[in-house]
Amino acid sequence: MSNLTETAFLKLVNQHKGILYKASRIYADSVEDREDLQQEILIQLWKSYQNFKGNSEFSTWMYRVAINTAITYLKKEKQRSENHTETPVHFEVQQEDYNPSKDKQLEAFYTAVQKLNAVEKAVIFYFMEGMSHKEIGNNLGLSEGNARVKLNRTKEKIQQIIKKSGYEF
């Protein structure tokens, strides 16, 4: 691909870098795992960028790639934790401005989210991005009503997990 394409790609990724941070924060618990997952998402985005036709918003496409990569990557990581192969592609993304560990409420939330299953994590991720029930449903192959029910149950589950942990807001 040309340098022009790479420049356009990096510009779009940097505009939507919050997707990277949230996906990695939801699906990976250690800093190293988050960084590895962000790198893997970037690689998958780059590999599939030539197939991005612009039929949807770049951010919508990026969400799908991020979620699918996170789920696939974590399954693979469990299988091959010792024989890690380095990939030659390495992208630098500007770092986020805030440190979530300073915010106890956010930390409690993310700790609870770690205990959710893959679909519940995706529902919360899309909800955090301000997507409607219809958009969440479309991204996950669910009806709008089913997405609404799944989101409400997931929110309740997070609250129960936080209560059980003894965290006070």
N, C-alpha and C. Protein backbone atom coordinates (compact mmCIF):
# COMPACT_ATOMS: atom_id res chain seq x y z
N MET A 1 0.84 -1.20 0.00
CA MET A 1 0.00 0.00 0.00
C MET A 1 0.87 1.25 0.00
N SER A 2 0.34 2.30 -0.51
CA SER A 2 1.12 3.53 -0.64
C SER A 2 1.24 4.26 0.69
N ASN A 3 2.20 5.19 0.75
CA ASN A 3 2.37 6.01 1.94
C ASN A 3 1.14 6.87 2.20
N LEU A 4 0.48 7.28 1.11
CA LEU A 4 -0.74 8.07 1.23
C LEU A 4 -1.81 7.27 1.96
N THR A 5 -1.95 6.00 1.59
CA THR A 5 -2.91 5.12 2.24
C THR A 5 -2.57 4.93 3.71
N GLU A 6 -1.29 4.72 3.99
CA GLU A 6 -0.85 4.54 5.38
C GLU A 6 -1.11 5.80 6.20
N THR A 7 -0.86 6.96 5.62
CA THR A 7 -1.11 8.23 6.31
C THR A 7 -2.59 8.39 6.63
N ALA A 8 -3.44 8.10 5.64
CA ALA A 8 -4.89 8.20 5.84
C ALA A 8 -5.35 7.23 6.93
N PHE A 9 -4.81 6.01 6.89
CA PHE A 9 -5.14 4.99 7.87
C PHE A 9 -4.77 5.45 9.29
N LEU A 10 -3.53 5.91 9.45
CA LEU A 10 -3.07 6.34 10.78
C LEU A 10 -3.86 7.54 11.29
N LYS A 11 -4.24 8.43 10.38
CA LYS A 11 -5.05 9.59 10.77
C LYS A 11 -6.41 9.12 11.30
N LEU A 12 -7.05 8.20 10.59
CA LEU A 12 -8.35 7.67 11.03
C LEU A 12 -8.23 6.93 12.36
N VAL A 13 -7.20 6.10 12.48
CA VAL A 13 -7.01 5.35 13.73
C VAL A 13 -6.79 6.31 14.90
N ASN A 14 -5.98 7.33 14.70
CA ASN A 14 -5.74 8.29 15.78
C ASN A 14 -7.00 9.07 16.15
N GLN A 15 -7.86 9.34 15.18
CA GLN A 15 -9.12 10.02 15.46
C GLN A 15 -10.03 9.16 16.34
N HIS A 16 -9.91 7.85 16.19
CA HIS A 16 -10.79 6.92 16.90
C HIS A 16 -10.03 6.03 17.88
N LYS A 17 -8.90 6.53 18.39
CA LYS A 17 -8.03 5.70 19.24
C LYS A 17 -8.71 5.29 20.54
N GLY A 18 -9.73 6.01 20.97
CA GLY A 18 -10.47 5.62 22.17
C GLY A 18 -11.04 4.21 22.06
N ILE A 19 -11.40 3.81 20.85
CA ILE A 19 -11.91 2.46 20.61
C ILE A 19 -10.85 1.44 21.01
N LEU A 20 -9.61 1.70 20.63
CA LEU A 20 -8.50 0.80 20.98
C LEU A 20 -8.35 0.67 22.49
N TYR A 21 -8.35 1.83 23.18
CA TYR A 21 -8.15 1.82 24.62
C TYR A 21 -9.28 1.10 25.34
N LYS A 22 -10.51 1.40 24.95
CA LYS A 22 -11.64 0.77 25.63
C LYS A 22 -11.69 -0.72 25.36
N ALA A 23 -11.49 -1.12 24.13
CA ALA A 23 -11.53 -2.56 23.80
C ALA A 23 -10.45 -3.31 24.58
N SER A 24 -9.25 -2.76 24.61
CA SER A 24 -8.17 -3.46 25.31
C SER A 24 -8.40 -3.45 26.82
N ARG A 25 -8.99 -2.39 27.33
CA ARG A 25 -9.25 -2.29 28.78
C ARG A 25 -10.34 -3.28 29.21
N ILE A 26 -11.30 -3.49 28.33
CA ILE A 26 -12.40 -4.40 28.64
C ILE A 26 -11.97 -5.86 28.51
N TYR A 27 -11.15 -6.15 27.51
CA TYR A 27 -10.82 -7.55 27.22
C TYR A 27 -9.51 -8.04 27.82
N ALA A 28 -8.65 -7.15 28.30
CA ALA A 28 -7.37 -7.59 28.87
C ALA A 28 -7.16 -6.89 30.21
N ASP A 29 -6.61 -7.62 31.18
CA ASP A 29 -6.51 -7.02 32.52
C ASP A 29 -5.13 -6.46 32.87
N SER A 30 -4.05 -6.98 32.31
CA SER A 30 -2.75 -6.42 32.66
C SER A 30 -2.32 -5.38 31.61
N VAL A 31 -1.43 -4.50 32.00
CA VAL A 31 -0.95 -3.46 31.08
C VAL A 31 -0.29 -4.09 29.86
N GLU A 32 0.52 -5.13 30.08
CA GLU A 32 1.21 -5.80 28.96
C GLU A 32 0.20 -6.42 28.01
N ASP A 33 -0.80 -7.11 28.56
CA ASP A 33 -1.82 -7.73 27.71
C ASP A 33 -2.60 -6.68 26.92
N ARG A 34 -2.88 -5.54 27.57
CA ARG A 34 -3.60 -4.46 26.87
C ARG A 34 -2.78 -3.93 25.71
N GLU A 35 -1.48 -3.72 25.95
CA GLU A 35 -0.61 -3.21 24.89
C GLU A 35 -0.52 -4.22 23.75
N ASP A 36 -0.38 -5.50 24.09
CA ASP A 36 -0.33 -6.55 23.07
C ASP A 36 -1.62 -6.59 22.27
N LEU A 37 -2.74 -6.49 22.97
CA LEU A 37 -4.03 -6.53 22.29
C LEU A 37 -4.22 -5.31 21.40
N GLN A 38 -3.82 -4.14 21.87
CA GLN A 38 -3.92 -2.93 21.04
C GLN A 38 -3.09 -3.11 19.76
N GLN A 39 -1.91 -3.66 19.90
CA GLN A 39 -1.04 -3.88 18.75
C GLN A 39 -1.69 -4.88 17.78
N GLU A 40 -2.28 -5.93 18.33
CA GLU A 40 -2.95 -6.94 17.50
C GLU A 40 -4.15 -6.34 16.77
N ILE A 41 -4.91 -5.50 17.45
CA ILE A 41 -6.05 -4.84 16.81
C ILE A 41 -5.55 -3.94 15.67
N LEU A 42 -4.49 -3.19 15.92
CA LEU A 42 -3.92 -2.32 14.88
C LEU A 42 -3.47 -3.14 13.67
N ILE A 43 -2.84 -4.26 13.92
CA ILE A 43 -2.38 -5.12 12.82
C ILE A 43 -3.57 -5.62 12.01
N GLN A 44 -4.62 -6.08 12.72
CA GLN A 44 -5.80 -6.58 12.01
C GLN A 44 -6.51 -5.46 11.25
N LEU A 45 -6.55 -4.27 11.84
CA LEU A 45 -7.14 -3.12 11.14
C LEU A 45 -6.36 -2.84 9.85
N TRP A 46 -5.04 -2.83 9.97
CA TRP A 46 -4.20 -2.54 8.80
C TRP A 46 -4.38 -3.61 7.73
N LYS A 47 -4.38 -4.89 8.14
CA LYS A 47 -4.53 -5.98 7.18
C LYS A 47 -5.86 -5.90 6.43
N SER A 48 -6.91 -5.48 7.13
CA SER A 48 -8.23 -5.46 6.48
C SER A 48 -8.63 -4.09 5.96
N TYR A 49 -7.75 -3.09 6.13
CA TYR A 49 -8.06 -1.72 5.70
C TYR A 49 -8.33 -1.64 4.20
N GLN A 50 -7.59 -2.42 3.41
CA GLN A 50 -7.79 -2.38 1.95
C GLN A 50 -9.19 -2.88 1.56
N ASN A 51 -9.82 -3.66 2.45
CA ASN A 51 -11.18 -4.15 2.18
C ASN A 51 -12.26 -3.22 2.71
N PHE A 52 -11.85 -2.19 3.43
CA PHE A 52 -12.83 -1.22 3.96
C PHE A 52 -13.32 -0.37 2.80
N LYS A 53 -14.62 -0.50 2.50
CA LYS A 53 -15.19 0.16 1.32
C LYS A 53 -15.83 1.50 1.64
N GLY A 54 -15.97 1.80 2.93
CA GLY A 54 -16.62 3.06 3.28
C GLY A 54 -18.13 2.96 3.28
N ASN A 55 -18.67 1.73 3.27
CA ASN A 55 -20.13 1.55 3.31
C ASN A 55 -20.68 1.90 4.68
N SER A 56 -19.83 1.84 5.69
CA SER A 56 -20.22 2.24 7.04
C SER A 56 -19.20 3.28 7.51
N GLU A 57 -19.47 3.87 8.66
CA GLU A 57 -18.49 4.80 9.24
C GLU A 57 -17.21 4.03 9.56
N PHE A 58 -16.08 4.69 9.48
CA PHE A 58 -14.81 4.05 9.83
C PHE A 58 -14.87 3.53 11.26
N SER A 59 -15.45 4.34 12.17
CA SER A 59 -15.51 3.94 13.58
C SER A 59 -16.33 2.67 13.77
N THR A 60 -17.43 2.53 13.04
CA THR A 60 -18.27 1.32 13.14
C THR A 60 -17.47 0.10 12.70
N TRP A 61 -16.77 0.25 11.59
CA TRP A 61 -15.94 -0.84 11.10
C TRP A 61 -14.83 -1.16 12.11
N MET A 62 -14.24 -0.11 12.68
CA MET A 62 -13.15 -0.29 13.64
C MET A 62 -13.65 -1.02 14.90
N TYR A 63 -14.87 -0.70 15.35
CA TYR A 63 -15.45 -1.41 16.50
C TYR A 63 -15.52 -2.90 16.22
N ARG A 64 -16.04 -3.25 15.05
CA ARG A 64 -16.21 -4.67 14.70
C ARG A 64 -14.87 -5.38 14.68
N VAL A 65 -13.90 -4.77 14.04
CA VAL A 65 -12.57 -5.38 13.97
C VAL A 65 -11.98 -5.52 15.38
N ALA A 66 -12.12 -4.47 16.19
CA ALA A 66 -11.56 -4.48 17.56
C ALA A 66 -12.17 -5.59 18.40
N ILE A 67 -13.50 -5.69 18.39
CA ILE A 67 -14.18 -6.72 19.19
C ILE A 67 -13.82 -8.12 18.70
N ASN A 68 -13.91 -8.33 17.39
CA ASN A 68 -13.59 -9.65 16.84
C ASN A 68 -12.15 -10.04 17.11
N THR A 69 -11.25 -9.08 16.96
CA THR A 69 -9.83 -9.34 17.22
C THR A 69 -9.60 -9.67 18.69
N ALA A 70 -10.24 -8.91 19.58
CA ALA A 70 -10.07 -9.14 21.02
C ALA A 70 -10.51 -10.55 21.39
N ILE A 71 -11.65 -10.96 20.90
CA ILE A 71 -12.18 -12.29 21.23
C ILE A 71 -11.27 -13.38 20.67
N THR A 72 -10.90 -13.26 19.39
CA THR A 72 -10.03 -14.24 18.74
C THR A 72 -8.65 -14.27 19.37
N TYR A 73 -8.09 -13.08 19.60
CA TYR A 73 -6.75 -12.96 20.16
C TYR A 73 -6.66 -13.62 21.53
N LEU A 74 -7.65 -13.38 22.38
CA LEU A 74 -7.59 -13.94 23.73
C LEU A 74 -7.70 -15.45 23.70
N LYS A 75 -8.47 -16.00 22.77
CA LYS A 75 -8.54 -17.46 22.63
C LYS A 75 -7.18 -18.01 22.21
N LYS A 76 -6.55 -17.34 21.23
CA LYS A 76 -5.24 -17.77 20.74
C LYS A 76 -4.18 -17.65 21.83
N GLU A 77 -4.23 -16.55 22.59
CA GLU A 77 -3.23 -16.33 23.64
C GLU A 77 -3.24 -17.45 24.67
N LYS A 78 -4.42 -17.93 24.99
CA LYS A 78 -4.50 -19.04 25.96
C LYS A 78 -3.84 -20.28 25.40
N GLN A 79 -3.94 -20.47 24.08
CA GLN A 79 -3.37 -21.67 23.45
C GLN A 79 -1.86 -21.55 23.26
N ARG A 80 -1.35 -20.38 22.97
CA ARG A 80 0.07 -20.25 22.60
C ARG A 80 0.80 -19.18 23.40
N SER A 81 0.72 -19.26 24.69
CA SER A 81 1.35 -18.22 25.51
C SER A 81 2.88 -18.26 25.43
N GLU A 82 3.46 -19.43 25.16
CA GLU A 82 4.93 -19.49 25.17
C GLU A 82 5.57 -19.27 23.80
N ASN A 83 4.97 -19.65 22.69
CA ASN A 83 5.63 -19.49 21.39
C ASN A 83 5.07 -18.28 20.63
N HIS A 84 5.40 -17.09 21.13
CA HIS A 84 4.92 -15.83 20.55
C HIS A 84 5.80 -15.44 19.37
N THR A 85 5.18 -15.20 18.22
CA THR A 85 5.95 -14.78 17.04
C THR A 85 5.79 -13.28 16.85
N GLU A 86 6.89 -12.62 16.61
CA GLU A 86 6.86 -11.17 16.40
C GLU A 86 6.40 -10.86 14.98
N THR A 87 5.63 -9.83 14.85
CA THR A 87 5.18 -9.41 13.53
C THR A 87 5.97 -8.15 13.13
N PRO A 88 6.31 -8.02 11.87
CA PRO A 88 7.12 -6.87 11.46
C PRO A 88 6.35 -5.54 11.48
N VAL A 89 5.03 -5.60 11.45
CA VAL A 89 4.25 -4.36 11.41
C VAL A 89 4.14 -3.79 12.82
N HIS A 90 4.50 -2.51 12.97
CA HIS A 90 4.40 -1.88 14.27
C HIS A 90 3.92 -0.45 14.08
N PHE A 91 2.75 -0.14 14.66
CA PHE A 91 2.20 1.20 14.53
C PHE A 91 2.29 1.90 15.88
N GLU A 92 2.59 3.18 15.82
CA GLU A 92 2.58 3.98 17.04
C GLU A 92 1.28 4.77 17.09
N VAL A 93 0.56 4.65 18.17
CA VAL A 93 -0.67 5.42 18.36
C VAL A 93 -0.45 6.33 19.55
N GLN A 94 -0.86 7.57 19.42
CA GLN A 94 -0.68 8.52 20.51
C GLN A 94 -1.36 7.98 21.78
N GLN A 95 -0.68 8.15 22.90
CA GLN A 95 -1.21 7.62 24.16
C GLN A 95 -2.36 8.45 24.68
N GLU A 96 -3.23 7.78 25.44
CA GLU A 96 -4.38 8.49 26.01
C GLU A 96 -3.92 9.45 27.10
N ASP A 97 -4.74 10.44 27.38
CA ASP A 97 -4.36 11.51 28.30
C ASP A 97 -4.66 11.21 29.76
N TYR A 98 -5.52 10.25 30.03
CA TYR A 98 -5.89 10.01 31.42
C TYR A 98 -5.37 8.66 31.89
N ASN A 99 -5.28 8.52 33.19
CA ASN A 99 -4.84 7.27 33.79
C ASN A 99 -6.00 6.70 34.60
N PRO A 100 -6.67 5.65 34.08
CA PRO A 100 -7.86 5.13 34.75
C PRO A 100 -7.59 4.63 36.17
N SER A 101 -6.35 4.22 36.46
CA SER A 101 -6.07 3.69 37.80
C SER A 101 -6.24 4.77 38.86
N LYS A 102 -6.18 6.04 38.47
CA LYS A 102 -6.39 7.13 39.42
C LYS A 102 -7.86 7.26 39.81
N ASP A 103 -8.71 6.73 38.99
CA ASP A 103 -10.14 6.86 39.24
C ASP A 103 -10.67 5.54 39.79
N LYS A 104 -10.94 5.52 41.08
CA LYS A 104 -11.35 4.28 41.76
C LYS A 104 -12.67 3.72 41.19
N GLN A 105 -13.60 4.60 40.87
CA GLN A 105 -14.87 4.12 40.32
C GLN A 105 -14.67 3.43 38.99
N LEU A 106 -13.86 4.04 38.14
CA LEU A 106 -13.59 3.46 36.84
C LEU A 106 -12.86 2.13 37.00
N GLU A 107 -11.95 2.07 37.93
CA GLU A 107 -11.20 0.84 38.18
C GLU A 107 -12.14 -0.27 38.65
N ALA A 108 -13.08 0.06 39.55
CA ALA A 108 -14.05 -0.92 40.03
C ALA A 108 -14.92 -1.41 38.87
N PHE A 109 -15.32 -0.47 38.02
CA PHE A 109 -16.14 -0.82 36.85
C PHE A 109 -15.38 -1.78 35.93
N TYR A 110 -14.15 -1.44 35.58
CA TYR A 110 -13.39 -2.28 34.66
C TYR A 110 -13.07 -3.64 35.28
N THR A 111 -12.86 -3.68 36.57
CA THR A 111 -12.62 -4.96 37.25
C THR A 111 -13.86 -5.84 37.12
N ALA A 112 -15.03 -5.24 37.29
CA ALA A 112 -16.29 -5.98 37.16
C ALA A 112 -16.49 -6.44 35.72
N VAL A 113 -16.19 -5.58 34.77
CA VAL A 113 -16.37 -5.91 33.35
C VAL A 113 -15.50 -7.11 32.95
N GLN A 114 -14.33 -7.24 33.58
CA GLN A 114 -13.44 -8.38 33.30
C GLN A 114 -14.15 -9.71 33.54
N LYS A 115 -15.14 -9.71 34.44
CA LYS A 115 -15.82 -10.96 34.81
C LYS A 115 -16.99 -11.31 33.89
N LEU A 116 -17.27 -10.44 32.92
CA LEU A 116 -18.37 -10.70 31.98
C LEU A 116 -17.93 -11.65 30.88
N ASN A 117 -18.91 -12.26 30.21
CA ASN A 117 -18.56 -13.09 29.06
C ASN A 117 -18.35 -12.20 27.83
N ALA A 118 -17.90 -12.78 26.73
CA ALA A 118 -17.49 -12.01 25.55
C ALA A 118 -18.63 -11.15 24.99
N VAL A 119 -19.83 -11.69 24.91
CA VAL A 119 -20.96 -10.93 24.36
C VAL A 119 -21.33 -9.78 25.30
N GLU A 120 -21.34 -10.05 26.60
CA GLU A 120 -21.66 -8.99 27.57
C GLU A 120 -20.63 -7.86 27.49
N LYS A 121 -19.36 -8.22 27.33
CA LYS A 121 -18.31 -7.21 27.18
C LYS A 121 -18.56 -6.37 25.93
N ALA A 122 -18.93 -7.02 24.85
CA ALA A 122 -19.20 -6.29 23.60
C ALA A 122 -20.38 -5.34 23.77
N VAL A 123 -21.44 -5.81 24.43
CA VAL A 123 -22.63 -4.97 24.66
C VAL A 123 -22.25 -3.73 25.46
N ILE A 124 -21.47 -3.91 26.53
CA ILE A 124 -21.06 -2.77 27.36
C ILE A 124 -20.12 -1.85 26.58
N PHE A 125 -19.23 -2.42 25.81
CA PHE A 125 -18.31 -1.63 24.99
C PHE A 125 -19.10 -0.72 24.05
N TYR A 126 -20.05 -1.29 23.32
CA TYR A 126 -20.85 -0.49 22.39
C TYR A 126 -21.69 0.54 23.13
N PHE A 127 -22.23 0.17 24.29
CA PHE A 127 -23.01 1.10 25.10
C PHE A 127 -22.15 2.28 25.54
N MET A 128 -20.91 1.99 25.97
CA MET A 128 -19.99 3.04 26.41
C MET A 128 -19.66 4.01 25.26
N GLU A 129 -19.75 3.51 24.05
CA GLU A 129 -19.49 4.35 22.89
C GLU A 129 -20.72 5.14 22.46
N GLY A 130 -21.81 5.01 23.21
CA GLY A 130 -23.01 5.81 22.94
C GLY A 130 -23.88 5.25 21.83
N MET A 131 -23.73 3.99 21.52
CA MET A 131 -24.56 3.40 20.47
C MET A 131 -25.97 3.13 20.97
N SER A 132 -26.92 3.23 20.06
CA SER A 132 -28.32 2.94 20.39
C SER A 132 -28.52 1.43 20.49
N HIS A 133 -29.68 1.03 21.04
CA HIS A 133 -29.99 -0.40 21.12
C HIS A 133 -29.99 -1.03 19.72
N LYS A 134 -30.49 -0.28 18.76
CA LYS A 134 -30.55 -0.77 17.38
C LYS A 134 -29.14 -0.99 16.83
N GLU A 135 -28.23 -0.02 17.06
CA GLU A 135 -26.85 -0.14 16.58
C GLU A 135 -26.13 -1.30 17.27
N ILE A 136 -26.36 -1.44 18.57
CA ILE A 136 -25.75 -2.56 19.31
C ILE A 136 -26.24 -3.87 18.72
N GLY A 137 -27.55 -3.95 18.50
CA GLY A 137 -28.14 -5.16 17.90
C GLY A 137 -27.55 -5.47 16.54
N ASN A 138 -27.44 -4.44 15.69
CA ASN A 138 -26.89 -4.63 14.34
C ASN A 138 -25.46 -5.15 14.40
N ASN A 139 -24.66 -4.60 15.30
CA ASN A 139 -23.26 -5.02 15.41
C ASN A 139 -23.10 -6.44 15.94
N LEU A 140 -24.06 -6.88 16.75
CA LEU A 140 -23.95 -8.21 17.36
C LEU A 140 -24.90 -9.24 16.74
N GLY A 141 -25.65 -8.81 15.71
CA GLY A 141 -26.59 -9.74 15.07
C GLY A 141 -27.79 -10.05 15.94
N LEU A 142 -28.24 -9.07 16.72
CA LEU A 142 -29.39 -9.24 17.60
C LEU A 142 -30.50 -8.27 17.17
N SER A 143 -31.72 -8.58 17.60
CA SER A 143 -32.80 -7.62 17.37
C SER A 143 -32.61 -6.45 18.34
N GLU A 144 -33.25 -5.33 18.05
CA GLU A 144 -33.16 -4.16 18.92
C GLU A 144 -33.64 -4.50 20.33
N GLY A 145 -34.76 -5.23 20.41
CA GLY A 145 -35.32 -5.62 21.72
C GLY A 145 -34.39 -6.53 22.49
N ASN A 146 -33.79 -7.49 21.79
CA ASN A 146 -32.86 -8.42 22.43
C ASN A 146 -31.62 -7.67 22.92
N ALA A 147 -31.15 -6.72 22.13
CA ALA A 147 -29.99 -5.91 22.55
C ALA A 147 -30.33 -5.12 23.81
N ARG A 148 -31.53 -4.56 23.87
CA ARG A 148 -31.96 -3.79 25.04
C ARG A 148 -31.97 -4.67 26.29
N VAL A 149 -32.57 -5.86 26.17
CA VAL A 149 -32.64 -6.80 27.30
C VAL A 149 -31.23 -7.21 27.73
N LYS A 150 -30.37 -7.55 26.75
CA LYS A 150 -29.01 -7.99 27.06
C LYS A 150 -28.22 -6.87 27.75
N LEU A 151 -28.41 -5.63 27.30
CA LEU A 151 -27.72 -4.49 27.91
C LEU A 151 -28.20 -4.31 29.35
N ASN A 152 -29.50 -4.33 29.58
CA ASN A 152 -30.03 -4.15 30.93
C ASN A 152 -29.54 -5.25 31.88
N ARG A 153 -29.56 -6.49 31.41
CA ARG A 153 -29.08 -7.61 32.24
C ARG A 153 -27.59 -7.47 32.53
N THR A 154 -26.84 -7.01 31.55
CA THR A 154 -25.39 -6.85 31.72
C THR A 154 -25.11 -5.73 32.72
N LYS A 155 -25.86 -4.64 32.64
CA LYS A 155 -25.68 -3.54 33.62
C LYS A 155 -25.97 -4.04 35.03
N GLU A 156 -27.05 -4.81 35.17
CA GLU A 156 -27.39 -5.37 36.49
C GLU A 156 -26.29 -6.30 36.99
N LYS A 157 -25.76 -7.12 36.09
CA LYS A 157 -24.70 -8.06 36.46
C LYS A 157 -23.46 -7.30 36.95
N ILE A 158 -23.11 -6.20 36.26
CA ILE A 158 -21.96 -5.38 36.68
C ILE A 158 -22.21 -4.83 38.08
N GLN A 159 -23.41 -4.32 38.32
CA GLN A 159 -23.73 -3.77 39.65
C GLN A 159 -23.62 -4.84 40.72
N GLN A 160 -24.09 -6.05 40.43
CA GLN A 160 -24.00 -7.15 41.41
C GLN A 160 -22.54 -7.50 41.69
N ILE A 161 -21.74 -7.56 40.65
CA ILE A 161 -20.32 -7.88 40.83
C ILE A 161 -19.64 -6.83 41.70
N ILE A 162 -19.93 -5.56 41.42
CA ILE A 162 -19.33 -4.47 42.20
C ILE A 162 -19.80 -4.54 43.65
N LYS A 163 -21.08 -4.80 43.87
CA LYS A 163 -21.60 -4.92 45.25
C LYS A 163 -20.91 -6.06 45.99
N LYS A 164 -20.78 -7.19 45.31
CA LYS A 164 -20.14 -8.35 45.95
C LYS A 164 -18.68 -8.07 46.30
N SER A 165 -18.05 -7.22 45.51
CA SER A 165 -16.64 -6.89 45.79
C SER A 165 -16.50 -5.95 46.97
N GLY A 166 -17.63 -5.40 47.41
CA GLY A 166 -17.62 -4.52 48.60
C GLY A 166 -17.24 -3.08 48.29
N TYR A 167 -17.20 -2.74 46.99
CA TYR A 167 -16.82 -1.37 46.62
C TYR A 167 -18.00 -0.44 46.86
N GLU A 168 -17.73 0.71 47.49
CA GLU A 168 -18.76 1.72 47.75
C GLU A 168 -18.54 2.90 46.84
N PHE A 169 -19.61 3.33 46.17
CA PHE A 169 -19.53 4.53 45.32
C PHE A 169 -19.89 5.76 46.13
